[in-house]
Amino acid sequence: MTAMSYKVGDKCAFVTSNTRKVGEVVAVVPPGSVPSDVGFPRAGGGGSWRGAESYVVRARKKNYRGDFYGSVSVYWPPVSTLVPLDE
């Protein structure tokens, strides 16, 4: 199974640390690179590069009722956790 490809501006959601986050792709990270290489040094997600294309996502947390909470943050989630949104 091949991971879906995203582009800047695509809406997506993901779950990490048992928390749903909803936002949009703000940068594409080429294989062998880290977010700081594309202008996002605070994206997190670990310090090691990844062997496949990955994405920096600007998102907010969303609770089980569908309410957003917390401030907007920049994340570098595992590609396997991303789900496209049609919103």
PDB file of N, CA and C in Angstrom:
ATOM      1  N   MET A   1       0.850  -1.184   0.000  1.00  0.00           N
ATOM      2  CA  MET A   1       0.000   0.000   0.000  1.00  0.00           C
ATOM      3  C   MET A   1       0.891   1.242   0.000  1.00  0.00           C
ATOM      4  N   THR A   2       0.600   2.179  -0.881  1.00  0.00           N
ATOM      5  CA  THR A   2       1.383   3.399  -1.005  1.00  0.00           C
ATOM      6  C   THR A   2       0.715   4.529  -0.234  1.00  0.00           C
ATOM      7  N   ALA A   3       1.518   5.320   0.470  1.00  0.00           N
ATOM      8  CA  ALA A   3       0.985   6.467   1.209  1.00  0.00           C
ATOM      9  C   ALA A   3       0.468   7.514   0.229  1.00  0.00           C
ATOM     10  N   MET A   4      -0.569   8.225   0.632  1.00  0.00           N
ATOM     11  CA  MET A   4      -1.132   9.284  -0.191  1.00  0.00           C
ATOM     12  C   MET A   4      -0.155  10.449  -0.269  1.00  0.00           C
ATOM     13  N   SER A   5      -0.164  11.135  -1.379  1.00  0.00           N
ATOM     14  CA  SER A   5       0.690  12.305  -1.562  1.00  0.00           C
ATOM     15  C   SER A   5      -0.136  13.565  -1.290  1.00  0.00           C
ATOM     16  N   TYR A   6       0.473  14.517  -0.595  1.00  0.00           N
ATOM     17  CA  TYR A   6      -0.191  15.777  -0.271  1.00  0.00           C
ATOM     18  C   TYR A   6       0.586  16.929  -0.872  1.00  0.00           C
ATOM     19  N   LYS A   7      -0.080  18.075  -1.002  1.00  0.00           N
ATOM     20  CA  LYS A   7       0.596  19.286  -1.460  1.00  0.00           C
ATOM     21  C   LYS A   7       0.254  20.421  -0.493  1.00  0.00           C
ATOM     22  N   VAL A   8       1.009  21.493  -0.551  1.00  0.00           N
ATOM     23  CA  VAL A   8       0.771  22.638   0.317  1.00  0.00           C
ATOM     24  C   VAL A   8      -0.663  23.127   0.122  1.00  0.00           C
ATOM     25  N   GLY A   9      -1.351  23.346   1.236  1.00  0.00           N
ATOM     26  CA  GLY A   9      -2.741  23.801   1.203  1.00  0.00           C
ATOM     27  C   GLY A   9      -3.756  22.696   1.395  1.00  0.00           C
ATOM     28  N   ASP A  10      -3.341  21.432   1.257  1.00  0.00           N
ATOM     29  CA  ASP A  10      -4.274  20.326   1.455  1.00  0.00           C
ATOM     30  C   ASP A  10      -4.702  20.255   2.921  1.00  0.00           C
ATOM     31  N   LYS A  11      -5.985  20.078   3.157  1.00  0.00           N
ATOM     32  CA  LYS A  11      -6.528  19.928   4.512  1.00  0.00           C
ATOM     33  C   LYS A  11      -6.368  18.472   4.937  1.00  0.00           C
ATOM     34  N   CYS A  12      -6.016  18.281   6.208  1.00  0.00           N
ATOM     35  CA  CYS A  12      -5.837  16.920   6.701  1.00  0.00           C
ATOM     36  C   CYS A  12      -6.048  16.876   8.210  1.00  0.00           C
ATOM     37  N   ALA A  13      -6.139  15.661   8.726  1.00  0.00           N
ATOM     38  CA  ALA A  13      -6.237  15.425  10.167  1.00  0.00           C
ATOM     39  C   ALA A  13      -5.287  14.293  10.503  1.00  0.00           C
ATOM     40  N   PHE A  14      -4.908  14.204  11.766  1.00  0.00           N
ATOM     41  CA  PHE A  14      -4.072  13.103  12.229  1.00  0.00           C
ATOM     42  C   PHE A  14      -4.224  12.974  13.732  1.00  0.00           C
ATOM     43  N   VAL A  15      -3.874  11.811  14.236  1.00  0.00           N
ATOM     44  CA  VAL A  15      -3.915  11.558  15.674  1.00  0.00           C
ATOM     45  C   VAL A  15      -2.517  11.171  16.120  1.00  0.00           C
ATOM     46  N   THR A  16      -1.973  11.924  17.062  1.00  0.00           N
ATOM     47  CA  THR A  16      -0.719  11.591  17.717  1.00  0.00           C
ATOM     48  C   THR A  16      -0.899  11.865  19.197  1.00  0.00           C
ATOM     49  N   SER A  17      -0.211  11.109  20.020  1.00  0.00           N
ATOM     50  CA  SER A  17      -0.329  11.247  21.479  1.00  0.00           C
ATOM     51  C   SER A  17      -1.794  11.193  21.916  1.00  0.00           C
ATOM     52  N   ASN A  18      -2.570  10.352  21.228  1.00  0.00           N
ATOM     53  CA  ASN A  18      -3.988  10.158  21.531  1.00  0.00           C
ATOM     54  C   ASN A  18      -4.808  11.440  21.420  1.00  0.00           C
ATOM     55  N   THR A  19      -4.354  12.370  20.580  1.00  0.00           N
ATOM     56  CA  THR A  19      -5.046  13.643  20.388  1.00  0.00           C
ATOM     57  C   THR A  19      -5.244  13.904  18.902  1.00  0.00           C
ATOM     58  N   ARG A  20      -6.477  14.211  18.502  1.00  0.00           N
ATOM     59  CA  ARG A  20      -6.783  14.520  17.096  1.00  0.00           C
ATOM     60  C   ARG A  20      -6.381  15.960  16.813  1.00  0.00           C
ATOM     61  N   LYS A  21      -5.709  16.159  15.687  1.00  0.00           N
ATOM     62  CA  LYS A  21      -5.322  17.493  15.239  1.00  0.00           C
ATOM     63  C   LYS A  21      -5.825  17.684  13.816  1.00  0.00           C
ATOM     64  N   VAL A  22      -6.312  18.894  13.516  1.00  0.00           N
ATOM     65  CA  VAL A  22      -6.884  19.195  12.211  1.00  0.00           C
ATOM     66  C   VAL A  22      -6.221  20.461  11.673  1.00  0.00           C
ATOM     67  N   GLY A  23      -5.793  20.424  10.415  1.00  0.00           N
ATOM     68  CA  GLY A  23      -5.142  21.594   9.845  1.00  0.00           C
ATOM     69  C   GLY A  23      -4.860  21.432   8.370  1.00  0.00           C
ATOM     70  N   GLU A  24      -3.748  22.048   7.937  1.00  0.00           N
ATOM     71  CA  GLU A  24      -3.388  21.964   6.529  1.00  0.00           C
ATOM     72  C   GLU A  24      -1.879  21.847   6.362  1.00  0.00           C
ATOM     73  N   VAL A  25      -1.510  21.234   5.254  1.00  0.00           N
ATOM     74  CA  VAL A  25      -0.101  21.057   4.922  1.00  0.00           C
ATOM     75  C   VAL A  25       0.487  22.428   4.578  1.00  0.00           C
ATOM     76  N   VAL A  26       1.612  22.774   5.223  1.00  0.00           N
ATOM     77  CA  VAL A  26       2.255  24.060   4.954  1.00  0.00           C
ATOM     78  C   VAL A  26       3.620  23.890   4.299  1.00  0.00           C
ATOM     79  N   ALA A  27       4.147  22.664   4.253  1.00  0.00           N
ATOM     80  CA  ALA A  27       5.429  22.412   3.589  1.00  0.00           C
ATOM     81  C   ALA A  27       5.567  20.929   3.282  1.00  0.00           C
ATOM     82  N   VAL A  28       6.256  20.647   2.197  1.00  0.00           N
ATOM     83  CA  VAL A  28       6.604  19.277   1.826  1.00  0.00           C
ATOM     84  C   VAL A  28       8.080  19.085   2.177  1.00  0.00           C
ATOM     85  N   VAL A  29       8.383  18.024   2.921  1.00  0.00           N
ATOM     86  CA  VAL A  29       9.753  17.734   3.341  1.00  0.00           C
ATOM     87  C   VAL A  29      10.272  16.595   2.461  1.00  0.00           C
ATOM     88  N   PRO A  30      11.302  16.857   1.641  1.00  0.00           N
ATOM     89  CA  PRO A  30      11.834  15.807   0.768  1.00  0.00           C
ATOM     90  C   PRO A  30      12.474  14.665   1.564  1.00  0.00           C
ATOM     91  N   PRO A  31      12.571  13.480   0.954  1.00  0.00           N
ATOM     92  CA  PRO A  31      13.242  12.366   1.625  1.00  0.00           C
ATOM     93  C   PRO A  31      14.659  12.771   2.042  1.00  0.00           C
ATOM     94  N   GLY A  32      15.071  12.340   3.221  1.00  0.00           N
ATOM     95  CA  GLY A  32      16.410  12.645   3.706  1.00  0.00           C
ATOM     96  C   GLY A  32      16.552  14.021   4.321  1.00  0.00           C
ATOM     97  N   SER A  33      15.447  14.735   4.470  1.00  0.00           N
ATOM     98  CA  SER A  33      15.465  16.088   5.040  1.00  0.00           C
ATOM     99  C   SER A  33      14.657  16.131   6.324  1.00  0.00           C
ATOM    100  N   VAL A  34      14.785  17.242   7.042  1.00  0.00           N
ATOM    101  CA  VAL A  34      14.006  17.500   8.258  1.00  0.00           C
ATOM    102  C   VAL A  34      13.275  18.831   8.068  1.00  0.00           C
ATOM    103  N   PRO A  35      12.256  19.115   8.877  1.00  0.00           N
ATOM    104  CA  PRO A  35      11.490  20.356   8.696  1.00  0.00           C
ATOM    105  C   PRO A  35      12.331  21.637   8.693  1.00  0.00           C
ATOM    106  N   SER A  36      13.417  21.675   9.461  1.00  0.00           N
ATOM    107  CA  SER A  36      14.236  22.897   9.470  1.00  0.00           C
ATOM    108  C   SER A  36      14.862  23.157   8.101  1.00  0.00           C
ATOM    109  N   ASP A  37      15.028  22.111   7.302  1.00  0.00           N
ATOM    110  CA  ASP A  37      15.571  22.279   5.941  1.00  0.00           C
ATOM    111  C   ASP A  37      14.608  23.021   5.027  1.00  0.00           C
ATOM    112  N   VAL A  38      13.315  23.032   5.379  1.00  0.00           N
ATOM    113  CA  VAL A  38      12.312  23.715   4.549  1.00  0.00           C
ATOM    114  C   VAL A  38      11.671  24.885   5.289  1.00  0.00           C
ATOM    115  N   GLY A  39      12.355  25.369   6.345  1.00  0.00           N
ATOM    116  CA  GLY A  39      11.912  26.586   7.016  1.00  0.00           C
ATOM    117  C   GLY A  39      11.060  26.406   8.257  1.00  0.00           C
ATOM    118  N   PHE A  40      10.995  25.193   8.812  1.00  0.00           N
ATOM    119  CA  PHE A  40      10.178  24.953   9.997  1.00  0.00           C
ATOM    120  C   PHE A  40      10.985  24.243  11.085  1.00  0.00           C
ATOM    121  N   PRO A  41      11.904  24.959  11.741  1.00  0.00           N
ATOM    122  CA  PRO A  41      12.763  24.320  12.745  1.00  0.00           C
ATOM    123  C   PRO A  41      12.033  23.860  14.005  1.00  0.00           C
ATOM    124  N   ARG A  42      10.834  24.349  14.249  1.00  0.00           N
ATOM    125  CA  ARG A  42      10.102  23.978  15.473  1.00  0.00           C
ATOM    126  C   ARG A  42       8.963  22.997  15.212  1.00  0.00           C
ATOM    127  N   ALA A  43       9.023  22.278  14.104  1.00  0.00           N
ATOM    128  CA  ALA A  43       7.933  21.365  13.764  1.00  0.00           C
ATOM    129  C   ALA A  43       7.939  20.093  14.601  1.00  0.00           C
ATOM    130  N   GLY A  44       9.022  19.778  15.266  1.00  0.00           N
ATOM    131  CA  GLY A  44       9.058  18.579  16.107  1.00  0.00           C
ATOM    132  C   GLY A  44       9.050  17.312  15.283  1.00  0.00           C
ATOM    133  N   GLY A  45       8.555  16.246  15.882  1.00  0.00           N
ATOM    134  CA  GLY A  45       8.465  14.972  15.179  1.00  0.00           C
ATOM    135  C   GLY A  45       9.746  14.162  15.233  1.00  0.00           C
ATOM    136  N   GLY A  46      10.672  14.554  16.062  1.00  0.00           N
ATOM    137  CA  GLY A  46      11.941  13.832  16.144  1.00  0.00           C
ATOM    138  C   GLY A  46      12.993  14.509  15.317  1.00  0.00           C
ATOM    139  N   GLY A  47      14.235  14.296  15.652  1.00  0.00           N
ATOM    140  CA  GLY A  47      15.319  14.995  14.977  1.00  0.00           C
ATOM    141  C   GLY A  47      15.887  14.288  13.775  1.00  0.00           C
ATOM    142  N   SER A  48      15.507  13.030  13.549  1.00  0.00           N
ATOM    143  CA  SER A  48      16.076  12.267  12.439  1.00  0.00           C
ATOM    144  C   SER A  48      15.289  12.481  11.156  1.00  0.00           C
ATOM    145  N   TRP A  49      15.992  12.450  10.054  1.00  0.00           N
ATOM    146  CA  TRP A  49      15.339  12.575   8.749  1.00  0.00           C
ATOM    147  C   TRP A  49      14.505  11.329   8.475  1.00  0.00           C
ATOM    148  N   ARG A  50      13.631  11.436   7.510  1.00  0.00           N
ATOM    149  CA  ARG A  50      12.783  10.306   7.112  1.00  0.00           C
ATOM    150  C   ARG A  50      13.121   9.909   5.689  1.00  0.00           C
ATOM    151  N   GLY A  51      12.966   8.644   5.390  1.00  0.00           N
ATOM    152  CA  GLY A  51      13.375   8.112   4.097  1.00  0.00           C
ATOM    153  C   GLY A  51      12.400   8.349   2.961  1.00  0.00           C
ATOM    154  N   ALA A  52      11.253   8.911   3.249  1.00  0.00           N
ATOM    155  CA  ALA A  52      10.251   9.183   2.214  1.00  0.00           C
ATOM    156  C   ALA A  52       9.748  10.609   2.391  1.00  0.00           C
ATOM    157  N   GLU A  53       9.065  11.106   1.366  1.00  0.00           N
ATOM    158  CA  GLU A  53       8.481  12.444   1.445  1.00  0.00           C
ATOM    159  C   GLU A  53       7.558  12.528   2.656  1.00  0.00           C
ATOM    160  N   SER A  54       7.622  13.647   3.380  1.00  0.00           N
ATOM    161  CA  SER A  54       6.769  13.867   4.540  1.00  0.00           C
ATOM    162  C   SER A  54       6.277  15.307   4.511  1.00  0.00           C
ATOM    163  N   TYR A  55       5.488  15.677   5.523  1.00  0.00           N
ATOM    164  CA  TYR A  55       4.788  16.953   5.460  1.00  0.00           C
ATOM    165  C   TYR A  55       4.788  17.677   6.798  1.00  0.00           C
ATOM    166  N   VAL A  56       4.888  18.993   6.736  1.00  0.00           N
ATOM    167  CA  VAL A  56       4.718  19.829   7.912  1.00  0.00           C
ATOM    168  C   VAL A  56       3.269  20.313   7.875  1.00  0.00           C
ATOM    169  N   VAL A  57       2.567  20.162   9.000  1.00  0.00           N
ATOM    170  CA  VAL A  57       1.149  20.507   9.072  1.00  0.00           C
ATOM    171  C   VAL A  57       0.934  21.547  10.169  1.00  0.00           C
ATOM    172  N   ARG A  58       0.271  22.643   9.830  1.00  0.00           N
ATOM    173  CA  ARG A  58      -0.148  23.642  10.828  1.00  0.00           C
ATOM    174  C   ARG A  58      -1.560  23.244  11.259  1.00  0.00           C
ATOM    175  N   ALA A  59      -1.717  22.957  12.563  1.00  0.00           N
ATOM    176  CA  ALA A  59      -2.984  22.384  13.017  1.00  0.00           C
ATOM    177  C   ALA A  59      -3.338  22.827  14.428  1.00  0.00           C
ATOM    178  N   ARG A  60      -4.595  22.560  14.780  1.00  0.00           N
ATOM    179  CA  ARG A  60      -5.093  22.765  16.148  1.00  0.00           C
ATOM    180  C   ARG A  60      -5.659  21.455  16.652  1.00  0.00           C
ATOM    181  N   LYS A  61      -5.648  21.308  17.953  1.00  0.00           N
ATOM    182  CA  LYS A  61      -6.223  20.122  18.582  1.00  0.00           C
ATOM    183  C   LYS A  61      -7.744  20.237  18.547  1.00  0.00           C
ATOM    184  N   LYS A  62      -8.394  19.076  18.457  1.00  0.00           N
ATOM    185  CA  LYS A  62      -9.853  19.030  18.405  1.00  0.00           C
ATOM    186  C   LYS A  62     -10.327  17.958  19.379  1.00  0.00           C
ATOM    187  N   ASN A  63     -11.264  18.309  20.269  1.00  0.00           N
ATOM    188  CA  ASN A  63     -11.721  17.334  21.257  1.00  0.00           C
ATOM    189  C   ASN A  63     -12.813  16.429  20.687  1.00  0.00           C
ATOM    190  N   TYR A  64     -13.291  15.495  21.502  1.00  0.00           N
ATOM    191  CA  TYR A  64     -14.273  14.508  21.048  1.00  0.00           C
ATOM    192  C   TYR A  64     -15.612  15.130  20.668  1.00  0.00           C
ATOM    193  N   ARG A  65     -15.897  16.357  21.161  1.00  0.00           N
ATOM    194  CA  ARG A  65     -17.131  17.052  20.788  1.00  0.00           C
ATOM    195  C   ARG A  65     -16.990  17.818  19.476  1.00  0.00           C
ATOM    196  N   GLY A  66     -15.776  17.876  18.952  1.00  0.00           N
ATOM    197  CA  GLY A  66     -15.540  18.606  17.717  1.00  0.00           C
ATOM    198  C   GLY A  66     -15.104  20.038  17.925  1.00  0.00           C
ATOM    199  N   ASP A  67     -14.839  20.427  19.179  1.00  0.00           N
ATOM    200  CA  ASP A  67     -14.410  21.791  19.490  1.00  0.00           C
ATOM    201  C   ASP A  67     -12.889  21.888  19.416  1.00  0.00           C
ATOM    202  N   PHE A  68     -12.410  22.950  18.802  1.00  0.00           N
ATOM    203  CA  PHE A  68     -10.972  23.198  18.777  1.00  0.00           C
ATOM    204  C   PHE A  68     -10.531  23.745  20.125  1.00  0.00           C
ATOM    205  N   TYR A  69      -9.302  23.440  20.513  1.00  0.00           N
ATOM    206  CA  TYR A  69      -8.739  24.013  21.733  1.00  0.00           C
ATOM    207  C   TYR A  69      -7.235  24.165  21.557  1.00  0.00           C
ATOM    208  N   GLY A  70      -6.653  25.007  22.383  1.00  0.00           N
ATOM    209  CA  GLY A  70      -5.220  25.262  22.280  1.00  0.00           C
ATOM    210  C   GLY A  70      -4.905  26.169  21.109  1.00  0.00           C
ATOM    211  N   SER A  71      -3.646  26.518  21.005  1.00  0.00           N
ATOM    212  CA  SER A  71      -3.234  27.404  19.923  1.00  0.00           C
ATOM    213  C   SER A  71      -2.822  26.598  18.695  1.00  0.00           C
ATOM    214  N   VAL A  72      -2.725  27.276  17.582  1.00  0.00           N
ATOM    215  CA  VAL A  72      -2.267  26.640  16.350  1.00  0.00           C
ATOM    216  C   VAL A  72      -0.785  26.324  16.519  1.00  0.00           C
ATOM    217  N   SER A  73      -0.416  25.101  16.154  1.00  0.00           N
ATOM    218  CA  SER A  73       0.982  24.673  16.247  1.00  0.00           C
ATOM    219  C   SER A  73       1.402  24.036  14.940  1.00  0.00           C
ATOM    220  N   VAL A  74       2.703  23.894  14.778  1.00  0.00           N
ATOM    221  CA  VAL A  74       3.254  23.261  13.582  1.00  0.00           C
ATOM    222  C   VAL A  74       3.756  21.876  13.980  1.00  0.00           C
ATOM    223  N   TYR A  75       3.351  20.863  13.212  1.00  0.00           N
ATOM    224  CA  TYR A  75       3.686  19.471  13.507  1.00  0.00           C
ATOM    225  C   TYR A  75       4.354  18.812  12.302  1.00  0.00           C
ATOM    226  N   TRP A  76       5.107  17.749  12.578  1.00  0.00           N
ATOM    227  CA  TRP A  76       5.695  16.903  11.537  1.00  0.00           C
ATOM    228  C   TRP A  76       5.227  15.476  11.813  1.00  0.00           C
ATOM    229  N   PRO A  77       3.954  15.195  11.534  1.00  0.00           N
ATOM    230  CA  PRO A  77       3.407  13.886  11.888  1.00  0.00           C
ATOM    231  C   PRO A  77       3.895  12.781  10.956  1.00  0.00           C
ATOM    232  N   PRO A  78       3.873  11.542  11.438  1.00  0.00           N
ATOM    233  CA  PRO A  78       4.159  10.418  10.539  1.00  0.00           C
ATOM    234  C   PRO A  78       3.145  10.423   9.396  1.00  0.00           C
ATOM    235  N   VAL A  79       3.605  10.213   8.180  1.00  0.00           N
ATOM    236  CA  VAL A  79       2.719  10.248   7.017  1.00  0.00           C
ATOM    237  C   VAL A  79       1.589   9.234   7.151  1.00  0.00           C
ATOM    238  N   SER A  80       1.867   8.110   7.771  1.00  0.00           N
ATOM    239  CA  SER A  80       0.846   7.065   7.913  1.00  0.00           C
ATOM    240  C   SER A  80      -0.334   7.504   8.767  1.00  0.00           C
ATOM    241  N   THR A  81      -0.191   8.572   9.542  1.00  0.00           N
ATOM    242  CA  THR A  81      -1.286   9.037  10.394  1.00  0.00           C
ATOM    243  C   THR A  81      -2.176  10.077   9.707  1.00  0.00           C
ATOM    244  N   LEU A  82      -1.754  10.611   8.562  1.00  0.00           N
ATOM    245  CA  LEU A  82      -2.513  11.675   7.880  1.00  0.00           C
ATOM    246  C   LEU A  82      -3.742  11.129   7.178  1.00  0.00           C
ATOM    247  N   VAL A  83      -4.842  11.862   7.325  1.00  0.00           N
ATOM    248  CA  VAL A  83      -6.109  11.529   6.674  1.00  0.00           C
ATOM    249  C   VAL A  83      -6.575  12.793   5.953  1.00  0.00           C
ATOM    250  N   PRO A  84      -6.857  12.709   4.633  1.00  0.00           N
ATOM    251  CA  PRO A  84      -7.317  13.907   3.913  1.00  0.00           C
ATOM    252  C   PRO A  84      -8.704  14.343   4.371  1.00  0.00           C
ATOM    253  N   LEU A  85      -8.946  15.649   4.330  1.00  0.00           N
ATOM    254  CA  LEU A  85     -10.256  16.220   4.660  1.00  0.00           C
ATOM    255  C   LEU A  85     -10.795  16.989   3.464  1.00  0.00           C
ATOM    256  N   ASP A  86     -12.093  17.008   3.321  1.00  0.00           N
ATOM    257  CA  ASP A  86     -12.733  17.750   2.243  1.00  0.00           C
ATOM    258  C   ASP A  86     -13.275  19.070   2.712  1.00  0.00           C
ATOM    259  N   GLU A  87     -12.943  19.476   3.940  1.00  0.00           N
ATOM    260  CA  GLU A  87     -13.481  20.721   4.517  1.00  0.00           C
ATOM    261  C   GLU A  87     -12.969  21.932   3.788  1.00  0.00           C
TER     262      GLU A  87
END
